[in-house]
PDB file of N, CA and C in Angstrom:
ATOM      1  N   UNK A   1      24.275  32.602 -20.646  1.00  0.00           N
ATOM      2  CA  UNK A   1      24.354  31.288 -19.996  1.00  0.00           C
ATOM      3  C   UNK A   1      23.431  30.223 -20.757  1.00  0.00           C
ATOM      4  N   UNK A   2      24.007  29.095 -21.033  1.00  0.00           N
ATOM      5  CA  UNK A   2      23.195  28.100 -21.803  1.00  0.00           C
ATOM      6  C   UNK A   2      22.173  27.442 -20.844  1.00  0.00           C
ATOM      7  N   UNK A   3      21.103  26.860 -21.390  1.00  0.00           N
ATOM      8  CA  UNK A   3      20.134  26.194 -20.675  1.00  0.00           C
ATOM      9  C   UNK A   3      20.708  25.020 -19.867  1.00  0.00           C
ATOM     10  N   UNK A   4      21.551  24.278 -20.536  1.00  0.00           N
ATOM     11  CA  UNK A   4      22.144  23.093 -19.855  1.00  0.00           C
ATOM     12  C   UNK A   4      22.953  23.510 -18.694  1.00  0.00           C
ATOM     13  N   UNK A   5      23.737  24.603 -18.755  1.00  0.00           N
ATOM     14  CA  UNK A   5      24.455  25.166 -17.600  1.00  0.00           C
ATOM     15  C   UNK A   5      23.557  25.614 -16.485  1.00  0.00           C
ATOM     16  N   UNK A   6      22.420  26.215 -16.887  1.00  0.00           N
ATOM     17  CA  UNK A   6      21.472  26.655 -15.921  1.00  0.00           C
ATOM     18  C   UNK A   6      20.871  25.480 -15.148  1.00  0.00           C
ATOM     19  N   UNK A   7      20.449  24.422 -15.902  1.00  0.00           N
ATOM     20  CA  UNK A   7      19.871  23.220 -15.217  1.00  0.00           C
ATOM     21  C   UNK A   7      20.927  22.530 -14.300  1.00  0.00           C
ATOM     22  N   UNK A   8      22.128  22.476 -14.826  1.00  0.00           N
ATOM     23  CA  UNK A   8      23.185  21.919 -13.955  1.00  0.00           C
ATOM     24  C   UNK A   8      23.428  22.838 -12.652  1.00  0.00           C
ATOM     25  N   UNK A   9      23.432  24.065 -12.833  1.00  0.00           N
ATOM     26  CA  UNK A   9      23.621  25.049 -11.724  1.00  0.00           C
ATOM     27  C   UNK A   9      22.437  24.806 -10.730  1.00  0.00           C
ATOM     28  N   UNK A  10      21.220  24.605 -11.116  1.00  0.00           N
ATOM     29  CA  UNK A  10      20.104  24.444 -10.158  1.00  0.00           C
ATOM     30  C   UNK A  10      20.215  23.080  -9.517  1.00  0.00           C
ATOM     31  N   UNK A  11      20.707  22.089 -10.380  1.00  0.00           N
ATOM     32  CA  UNK A  11      20.785  20.738  -9.839  1.00  0.00           C
ATOM     33  C   UNK A  11      21.812  20.630  -8.682  1.00  0.00           C
ATOM     34  N   UNK A  12      22.981  21.290  -8.940  1.00  0.00           N
ATOM     35  CA  UNK A  12      24.125  21.414  -7.926  1.00  0.00           C
ATOM     36  C   UNK A  12      23.647  22.132  -6.652  1.00  0.00           C
ATOM     37  N   UNK A  13      22.940  23.267  -6.915  1.00  0.00           N
ATOM     38  CA  UNK A  13      22.402  24.176  -5.801  1.00  0.00           C
ATOM     39  C   UNK A  13      21.285  23.393  -5.115  1.00  0.00           C
ATOM     40  N   UNK A  14      20.396  22.790  -5.863  1.00  0.00           N
ATOM     41  CA  UNK A  14      19.166  22.208  -5.226  1.00  0.00           C
ATOM     42  C   UNK A  14      19.387  20.930  -4.400  1.00  0.00           C
ATOM     43  N   UNK A  15      20.476  20.245  -4.892  1.00  0.00           N
ATOM     44  CA  UNK A  15      20.795  18.868  -4.229  1.00  0.00           C
ATOM     45  C   UNK A  15      21.019  19.017  -2.682  1.00  0.00           C
ATOM     46  N   UNK A  16      21.954  19.903  -2.306  1.00  0.00           N
ATOM     47  CA  UNK A  16      22.181  20.003  -0.875  1.00  0.00           C
ATOM     48  C   UNK A  16      20.926  20.552  -0.069  1.00  0.00           C
ATOM     49  N   UNK A  17      20.209  21.456  -0.718  1.00  0.00           N
ATOM     50  CA  UNK A  17      19.072  22.037  -0.111  1.00  0.00           C
ATOM     51  C   UNK A  17      18.027  20.938   0.196  1.00  0.00           C
ATOM     52  N   UNK A  18      17.903  20.037  -0.919  1.00  0.00           N
ATOM     53  CA  UNK A  18      16.882  18.894  -0.733  1.00  0.00           C
ATOM     54  C   UNK A  18      17.318  17.959   0.321  1.00  0.00           C
ATOM     55  N   UNK A  19      18.618  17.658   0.405  1.00  0.00           N
ATOM     56  CA  UNK A  19      19.195  16.768   1.417  1.00  0.00           C
ATOM     57  C   UNK A  19      19.044  17.308   2.799  1.00  0.00           C
ATOM     58  N   UNK A  20      19.105  18.613   2.966  1.00  0.00           N
ATOM     59  CA  UNK A  20      18.984  19.241   4.244  1.00  0.00           C
ATOM     60  C   UNK A  20      17.496  19.406   4.624  1.00  0.00           C
ATOM     61  N   UNK A  21      16.664  19.522   3.521  1.00  0.00           N
ATOM     62  CA  UNK A  21      15.245  19.789   3.835  1.00  0.00           C
ATOM     63  C   UNK A  21      14.497  18.568   4.260  1.00  0.00           C
ATOM     64  N   UNK A  22      14.954  17.416   3.757  1.00  0.00           N
ATOM     65  CA  UNK A  22      14.213  16.131   4.125  1.00  0.00           C
ATOM     66  C   UNK A  22      14.264  15.846   5.663  1.00  0.00           C
ATOM     67  N   UNK A  23      15.415  15.978   6.286  1.00  0.00           N
ATOM     68  CA  UNK A  23      15.379  15.711   7.703  1.00  0.00           C
ATOM     69  C   UNK A  23      14.536  16.761   8.486  1.00  0.00           C
ATOM     70  N   UNK A  24      14.577  18.025   8.011  1.00  0.00           N
ATOM     71  CA  UNK A  24      13.784  19.072   8.637  1.00  0.00           C
ATOM     72  C   UNK A  24      12.286  18.643   8.507  1.00  0.00           C
ATOM     73  N   UNK A  25      11.887  18.247   7.343  1.00  0.00           N
ATOM     74  CA  UNK A  25      10.512  17.851   7.061  1.00  0.00           C
ATOM     75  C   UNK A  25      10.087  16.698   7.984  1.00  0.00           C
ATOM     76  N   UNK A  26      10.977  15.686   8.209  1.00  0.00           N
ATOM     77  CA  UNK A  26      10.719  14.516   8.986  1.00  0.00           C
ATOM     78  C   UNK A  26      10.539  14.946  10.530  1.00  0.00           C
ATOM     79  N   UNK A  27      11.530  15.855  10.904  1.00  0.00           N
ATOM     80  CA  UNK A  27      11.422  16.383  12.364  1.00  0.00           C
ATOM     81  C   UNK A  27      10.182  17.178  12.449  1.00  0.00           C
ATOM     82  N   UNK A  28       9.807  17.943  11.471  1.00  0.00           N
ATOM     83  CA  UNK A  28       8.594  18.822  11.587  1.00  0.00           C
ATOM     84  C   UNK A  28       7.384  17.998  11.677  1.00  0.00           C
ATOM     85  N   UNK A  29       7.350  16.825  10.909  1.00  0.00           N
ATOM     86  CA  UNK A  29       6.223  15.928  11.009  1.00  0.00           C
ATOM     87  C   UNK A  29       6.150  15.288  12.454  1.00  0.00           C
ATOM     88  N   UNK A  30       7.258  14.929  13.077  1.00  0.00           N
ATOM     89  CA  UNK A  30       7.300  14.352  14.322  1.00  0.00           C
ATOM     90  C   UNK A  30       6.834  15.286  15.377  1.00  0.00           C
ATOM     91  N   UNK A  31       7.083  16.494  15.236  1.00  0.00           N
ATOM     92  CA  UNK A  31       6.717  17.630  16.170  1.00  0.00           C
ATOM     93  C   UNK A  31       5.197  17.891  16.128  1.00  0.00           C
ATOM     94  N   UNK A  32       4.767  18.042  14.878  1.00  0.00           N
ATOM     95  CA  UNK A  32       3.471  18.443  14.568  1.00  0.00           C
ATOM     96  C   UNK A  32       2.387  17.271  14.810  1.00  0.00           C
ATOM     97  N   UNK A  33       2.715  16.150  14.442  1.00  0.00           N
ATOM     98  CA  UNK A  33       1.788  14.956  14.555  1.00  0.00           C
ATOM     99  C   UNK A  33       1.217  14.778  15.941  1.00  0.00           C
ATOM    100  N   UNK A  34       1.975  14.813  16.991  1.00  0.00           N
ATOM    101  CA  UNK A  34       1.363  14.601  18.330  1.00  0.00           C
ATOM    102  C   UNK A  34       0.434  15.745  18.685  1.00  0.00           C
ATOM    103  N   UNK A  35       0.805  16.939  18.296  1.00  0.00           N
ATOM    104  CA  UNK A  35       0.020  18.084  18.605  1.00  0.00           C
ATOM    105  C   UNK A  35      -1.345  18.080  17.921  1.00  0.00           C
ATOM    106  N   UNK A  36      -1.316  17.634  16.701  1.00  0.00           N
ATOM    107  CA  UNK A  36      -2.538  17.525  15.859  1.00  0.00           C
ATOM    108  C   UNK A  36      -3.411  16.482  16.558  1.00  0.00           C
ATOM    109  N   UNK A  37      -2.766  15.337  16.868  1.00  0.00           N
ATOM    110  CA  UNK A  37      -3.555  14.229  17.542  1.00  0.00           C
ATOM    111  C   UNK A  37      -4.156  14.761  18.921  1.00  0.00           C
ATOM    112  N   UNK A  38      -3.450  15.555  19.591  1.00  0.00           N
ATOM    113  CA  UNK A  38      -3.976  16.056  20.890  1.00  0.00           C
ATOM    114  C   UNK A  38      -5.157  17.003  20.640  1.00  0.00           C
ATOM    115  N   UNK A  39      -5.092  17.807  19.619  1.00  0.00           N
ATOM    116  CA  UNK A  39      -6.223  18.749  19.262  1.00  0.00           C
ATOM    117  C   UNK A  39      -7.408  17.926  18.909  1.00  0.00           C
ATOM    118  N   UNK A  40      -7.205  16.816  18.131  1.00  0.00           N
ATOM    119  CA  UNK A  40      -8.335  15.987  17.655  1.00  0.00           C
ATOM    120  C   UNK A  40      -9.021  15.266  18.842  1.00  0.00           C
ATOM    121  N   UNK A  41      -8.275  14.830  19.791  1.00  0.00           N
ATOM    122  CA  UNK A  41      -8.728  14.153  20.979  1.00  0.00           C
ATOM    123  C   UNK A  41      -9.517  14.994  21.952  1.00  0.00           C
ATOM    124  N   UNK A  42      -9.140  16.255  21.886  1.00  0.00           N
ATOM    125  CA  UNK A  42      -9.854  17.175  22.894  1.00  0.00           C
ATOM    126  C   UNK A  42     -11.389  17.454  22.414  1.00  0.00           C
TER     127      UNK A  42
END
């Protein structure tokens, strides 16, 4: 397998993963932020 094909392969594979991961990260931040703030206020 050539390096260019390998990079293309990772790009095609990585793109959907990244697109799915961003909303998960945003949701994770929304869930964690209030809990962290509650812990700090206590």
